Every structure is written in C-alpha cells, then in structure tokens.
Protein backbone atom coordinates (compact mmCIF):
# COMPACT_ATOMS: atom_id res chain seq x y z
CA MET A 1 2.77 -43.98 -14.20
CA LYS A 2 4.53 -40.81 -13.07
CA SER A 3 2.00 -38.61 -14.90
CA ASN A 4 -0.87 -40.48 -13.20
CA ILE A 5 0.70 -39.79 -9.78
CA LEU A 6 1.01 -36.11 -10.60
CA ILE A 7 -2.61 -35.95 -11.72
CA LEU A 8 -3.72 -37.71 -8.53
CA ALA A 9 -1.65 -35.34 -6.37
CA ALA A 10 -3.12 -32.33 -8.14
CA SER A 11 -6.63 -33.70 -7.63
CA LEU A 12 -6.00 -34.22 -3.92
CA GLY A 13 -4.65 -30.70 -3.71
CA LEU A 14 -7.87 -29.36 -5.15
CA LEU A 15 -9.83 -31.26 -2.51
CA VAL A 16 -7.68 -30.12 0.41
CA PHE A 17 -7.10 -26.50 -0.52
CA PRO A 18 -9.89 -24.08 -1.53
CA SER A 19 -9.42 -21.76 -4.47
CA LEU A 20 -7.76 -18.62 -3.22
CA ALA A 21 -8.54 -15.02 -4.05
CA THR A 22 -6.10 -12.89 -6.00
CA ALA A 23 -3.30 -11.42 -3.88
CA THR A 24 -3.70 -7.77 -2.92
CA ASN A 25 -1.20 -4.92 -2.70
CA HIS A 26 -1.35 -2.74 0.43
CA THR A 27 0.31 0.59 1.15
CA VAL A 28 1.83 1.97 4.33
CA SER A 29 2.83 5.64 4.29
CA GLN A 30 5.68 7.15 6.27
CA GLU A 31 4.41 10.35 7.85
CA GLY A 32 7.01 12.09 10.00
CA ARG A 33 8.12 9.56 12.61
CA ALA A 34 5.17 7.23 12.11
CA PHE A 35 3.98 4.45 9.83
CA VAL A 36 0.38 4.99 8.64
CA PRO A 37 -1.53 2.80 9.23
CA ALA A 38 0.51 1.48 12.17
CA GLU A 39 -1.45 -1.78 12.13
CA LEU A 40 -2.44 -3.51 8.90
CA THR A 41 -4.41 -6.74 8.41
CA ILE A 42 -3.72 -8.60 5.17
CA GLU A 43 -4.02 -12.10 3.75
CA VAL A 44 -1.20 -14.56 3.16
CA GLY A 45 0.34 -13.91 -0.26
CA ASP A 46 -0.45 -10.19 -0.14
CA THR A 47 2.25 -7.56 -0.68
CA VAL A 48 2.90 -4.48 1.44
CA GLN A 49 4.65 -1.40 0.07
CA TRP A 50 6.04 1.26 2.38
CA ILE A 51 6.30 4.75 0.83
CA TRP A 52 8.75 7.39 2.00
CA SER A 53 7.94 11.12 2.34
CA SER A 54 10.62 12.75 4.52
CA LEU A 55 13.70 12.25 6.72
CA SER A 56 15.66 8.98 6.67
CA HIS A 57 14.22 5.72 7.99
CA THR A 58 14.38 1.95 7.78
CA VAL A 59 11.75 -0.77 7.56
CA THR A 60 13.16 -3.48 9.82
CA SER A 61 11.36 -6.68 10.83
CA GLY A 62 11.30 -7.49 14.54
CA THR A 63 9.98 -6.02 17.76
CA ASP A 64 13.12 -4.02 18.60
CA LEU A 65 16.92 -4.25 18.52
CA SER A 66 16.92 -6.94 21.22
CA ASP A 67 14.85 -9.30 19.06
CA PRO A 68 17.12 -12.26 18.09
CA GLU A 69 15.44 -12.35 14.67
CA VAL A 70 15.68 -8.61 14.00
CA GLY A 71 15.97 -7.86 10.29
CA LEU A 72 15.76 -11.49 9.15
CA LEU A 73 12.67 -10.97 6.98
CA PHE A 74 13.38 -7.43 5.78
CA ASP A 75 15.70 -4.59 6.74
CA GLU A 76 15.85 -1.86 4.12
CA PRO A 77 16.40 1.91 4.09
CA LEU A 78 13.40 4.12 3.43
CA ASN A 79 14.73 7.47 2.23
CA SER A 80 15.12 9.71 -0.82
CA ALA A 81 17.49 7.23 -2.45
CA ASN A 82 15.16 4.29 -1.76
CA PRO A 83 11.62 5.76 -1.54
CA THR A 84 9.74 2.44 -1.52
CA VAL A 85 10.17 -0.87 0.29
CA THR A 86 8.15 -3.89 -0.80
CA TYR A 87 7.64 -7.27 0.86
CA THR A 88 5.30 -10.18 0.14
CA PHE A 89 4.08 -12.05 3.23
CA THR A 90 3.95 -15.81 2.71
CA GLU A 91 3.24 -17.03 6.26
CA ILE A 92 0.24 -16.59 8.55
CA GLY A 93 0.97 -14.75 11.79
CA THR A 94 1.78 -11.34 13.27
CA GLN A 95 4.89 -9.52 12.08
CA HIS A 96 6.20 -6.51 13.97
CA TYR A 97 8.59 -4.02 12.40
CA PHE A 98 10.22 -0.69 13.26
CA CYS A 99 12.45 2.15 12.07
CA ARG A 100 16.00 1.84 13.43
CA PRO A 101 16.74 5.60 13.75
CA HIS A 102 13.35 6.43 15.31
CA LEU A 103 12.55 3.37 17.41
CA ALA A 104 12.84 5.46 20.58
CA SER A 105 10.20 7.81 19.13
CA GLY A 106 7.76 4.91 18.82
CA MET A 107 8.07 4.47 15.06
CA THR A 108 6.82 0.89 14.90
CA GLY A 109 4.24 -1.07 12.95
CA THR A 110 2.44 -4.41 12.83
CA VAL A 111 1.27 -6.56 9.93
CA ILE A 112 -1.31 -9.21 10.81
CA VAL A 113 -1.34 -11.96 8.17
CA THR A 114 -4.51 -14.06 7.99
CA ALA A 115 -5.50 -17.06 5.88
CA ALA A 116 -6.45 -16.29 2.31
CA SER A 117 -10.14 -16.00 1.46
CA ALA A 118 -11.77 -18.47 -0.90
CA VAL A 119 -12.91 -17.22 -4.30
CA GLY A 120 -16.22 -15.41 -3.96
CA GLU A 121 -15.42 -13.99 -0.53
CA THR A 122 -14.58 -10.32 -0.12
CA PRO A 123 -11.25 -9.78 1.69
CA ALA A 124 -11.85 -7.67 4.81
CA ALA A 125 -8.79 -5.53 4.12
CA ALA A 126 -9.85 -4.64 0.58
CA GLN A 127 -12.74 -2.33 1.35
CA ILE A 128 -11.27 0.77 -0.30
CA GLN A 129 -9.07 0.55 -3.39
CA LEU A 130 -6.51 2.95 -4.84
CA MET A 131 -5.45 1.87 -8.31
CA PRO A 132 -2.15 2.59 -10.09
CA ASN A 133 -2.33 5.82 -12.08
CA VAL A 134 -2.54 5.53 -15.88
CA PRO A 135 -0.30 6.20 -17.67
CA ASN A 136 2.78 5.93 -15.48
CA PRO A 137 5.30 7.43 -16.16
CA PHE A 138 3.25 10.27 -17.62
CA ASN A 139 3.51 13.61 -19.39
CA PRO A 140 1.64 15.89 -19.19
CA SER A 141 -1.32 14.25 -17.38
CA THR A 142 -2.38 11.03 -15.69
CA THR A 143 -5.60 9.56 -14.31
CA ILE A 144 -5.97 8.29 -10.75
CA THR A 145 -8.81 5.90 -9.96
CA PHE A 146 -10.11 4.78 -6.57
CA GLY A 147 -13.07 2.73 -5.50
CA LEU A 148 -15.45 2.53 -2.56
CA PRO A 149 -17.06 -0.95 -2.47
CA ALA A 150 -20.66 -1.48 -3.39
CA ASP A 151 -21.48 -2.63 0.14
CA HIS A 152 -20.03 0.56 1.62
CA THR A 153 -23.08 2.24 3.10
CA GLY A 154 -23.71 5.96 2.87
CA SER A 155 -21.30 8.63 1.64
CA THR A 156 -17.66 9.03 2.62
CA GLU A 157 -15.47 12.09 3.03
CA VAL A 158 -12.62 11.66 0.57
CA SER A 159 -9.35 13.53 0.22
CA LEU A 160 -7.01 12.87 -2.71
CA ARG A 161 -3.75 14.81 -2.59
CA VAL A 162 -0.39 14.85 -4.36
CA TYR A 163 2.88 15.28 -2.42
CA ASP A 164 6.51 15.54 -3.43
CA LEU A 165 9.15 13.25 -1.93
CA LYS A 166 9.86 15.77 0.84
CA GLY A 167 6.28 15.45 2.02
CA ARG A 168 5.24 18.88 0.78
CA LEU A 169 1.69 19.25 -0.53
CA VAL A 170 1.67 19.82 -4.28
CA ARG A 171 -1.96 19.59 -5.31
CA VAL A 172 -5.37 18.88 -3.78
CA LEU A 173 -7.18 16.82 -6.41
CA MET A 174 -10.34 16.07 -4.44
CA GLU A 175 -11.81 17.15 -1.13
CA GLU A 176 -15.46 16.16 -1.01
CA THR A 177 -18.06 13.60 0.07
CA VAL A 178 -18.68 10.83 -2.44
CA ALA A 179 -20.93 7.78 -2.73
CA ALA A 180 -19.84 4.15 -3.02
CA ASP A 181 -18.58 3.76 -6.59
CA ARG A 182 -15.45 3.95 -8.71
CA HIS A 183 -14.12 7.50 -9.16
CA SER A 184 -11.41 8.91 -11.42
CA VAL A 185 -9.48 12.17 -11.21
CA THR A 186 -6.97 13.56 -13.71
CA TRP A 187 -3.82 15.38 -12.62
CA ASN A 188 -2.26 17.69 -15.18
CA GLY A 189 1.16 17.90 -13.53
CA ARG A 190 0.53 21.33 -12.01
CA ASN A 191 0.44 22.50 -8.41
CA ASP A 192 -2.39 24.36 -6.66
CA ARG A 193 -1.11 27.66 -8.09
CA GLY A 194 -1.33 26.34 -11.64
CA THR A 195 2.43 26.10 -12.12
CA ALA A 196 3.88 23.07 -13.89
CA VAL A 197 5.93 20.95 -11.48
CA PRO A 198 9.32 19.45 -12.41
CA SER A 199 9.95 15.85 -13.45
CA GLY A 200 10.30 13.33 -10.67
CA LEU A 201 8.60 10.91 -8.33
CA TYR A 202 5.38 12.04 -6.61
CA ILE A 203 3.09 10.45 -4.03
CA TYR A 204 -0.67 10.46 -4.36
CA ARG A 205 -2.52 9.77 -1.12
CA LEU A 206 -6.17 8.85 -0.64
CA ALA A 207 -7.87 9.37 2.72
CA ALA A 208 -11.37 7.89 2.83
CA GLY A 209 -13.11 7.55 6.17
CA ASP A 210 -10.58 6.02 8.55
CA LYS A 211 -8.48 4.50 5.75
CA THR A 212 -5.38 5.98 4.12
CA LEU A 213 -3.77 4.56 0.98
CA ALA A 214 -0.89 5.90 -1.09
CA ARG A 215 1.01 5.12 -4.28
CA THR A 216 3.83 6.67 -6.26
CA MET A 217 3.82 8.06 -9.78
CA THR A 218 6.50 9.44 -12.08
CA LEU A 219 6.29 12.64 -14.11
CA ALA A 220 8.78 12.36 -16.98
CA LYS A 221 9.36 15.38 -19.21
C-alpha cells in the first residue's frame, strides 16, 4: 500500500512540475572595488561563483549593514586565502549582496533568481559559455573552451586572457572577432614574453560582447 502511495505521489509530481533544465554555473569577477557583472540573472538551482583578483573583500548577502538579515545566506571572505566563494540559489527572488570593507565605495551586486526553464527551452542567462579547462590541474599545458550559441547572430569581439591572483595580466590568449561556434585555445603555462610562469592558481577571463565570464585553473609543477 505504501509503495502505491509513493508511486501515485510521484505521478502527481510529474503532472504538476515540468521537467527542469540542468542547473548552470555562473561566474562573477572581482575587479578592483566592483563585482562584474554587478547584476546577474539566473535560474533557481543555479550556482554562482565569485572569483577574487586583488585586495581583500567579502561576499555578504543583504542590502547593507542595516539589513536585519545581513549575512544570513552567505558571508565569506574573498581574498588571497579564499579566492573563490560559491553559493547555490534555491529560492526565486532578488538577492542583494555587498563587500563589507568597500560598501561605501559602492561595491554591491544583485542576483535575480527566476523560475527554472523546462527541458527544451534555452535559459536566457546561458547565451555564452566558458567551460572548465582540461586538464586541471595541469602541467605543462591546458585547453580552454568557450562557446557562442548557434542563435547568436553575426560575429563577436572576443578577448580571452589569463591573470594571476593579484590581478596582473599574464597572457593574452585571444583577441579577435569570432563567429558563433565552440572555440578552444591552449595555454602552455607561459606569459606574453614566453617565460614559464610559476605553479599556482590563475584566472582565465572571457569577454565576449557585453558578457564577461571567468574561471580558475591550477598550474602544478
């Protein structure tokens, strides 16, 4: 009897809830005293990763220090000791956040969480993709892949660059106009002067049109 109830409940669930698309990972870069992009639209169940580049910051949920719910969802340092902060959003709505040390400088951000798309629909926020580099960790080289969607009309100016954790430019991997497709670039662990860089964590950042995405990778010698 119990198994029949469970089967009936599952069947009702299939009727009430549409099949949902796979959750997506999104990236927000810290650039100076700013979060980039400052406003991000995602779907419920998606994950946001904040990536550090310089100075010392926090990623703190809430509008400001007077918010009675400040820091309840997340409140983590974003610095050289903790270069990434990750949070998965499970509720629909608008979530504001800020950096505690640089709130007065306007270092704030907003995540708008919408309902998940049904299977077969293209999420609005997933127009440009930056995939994890392979392999990672790597030595001596790794491949970075990004994609412009098939419905992306015309060509797009693309910049793919590698930075160290202090935000210093290490290597320009691509600076050109490309068509909608999947593209791959290999980094050999050397800077723009051809010198091998030391082991450590590096940030690769893709700027395509008005979108900027970033991920981290580890060179291990």
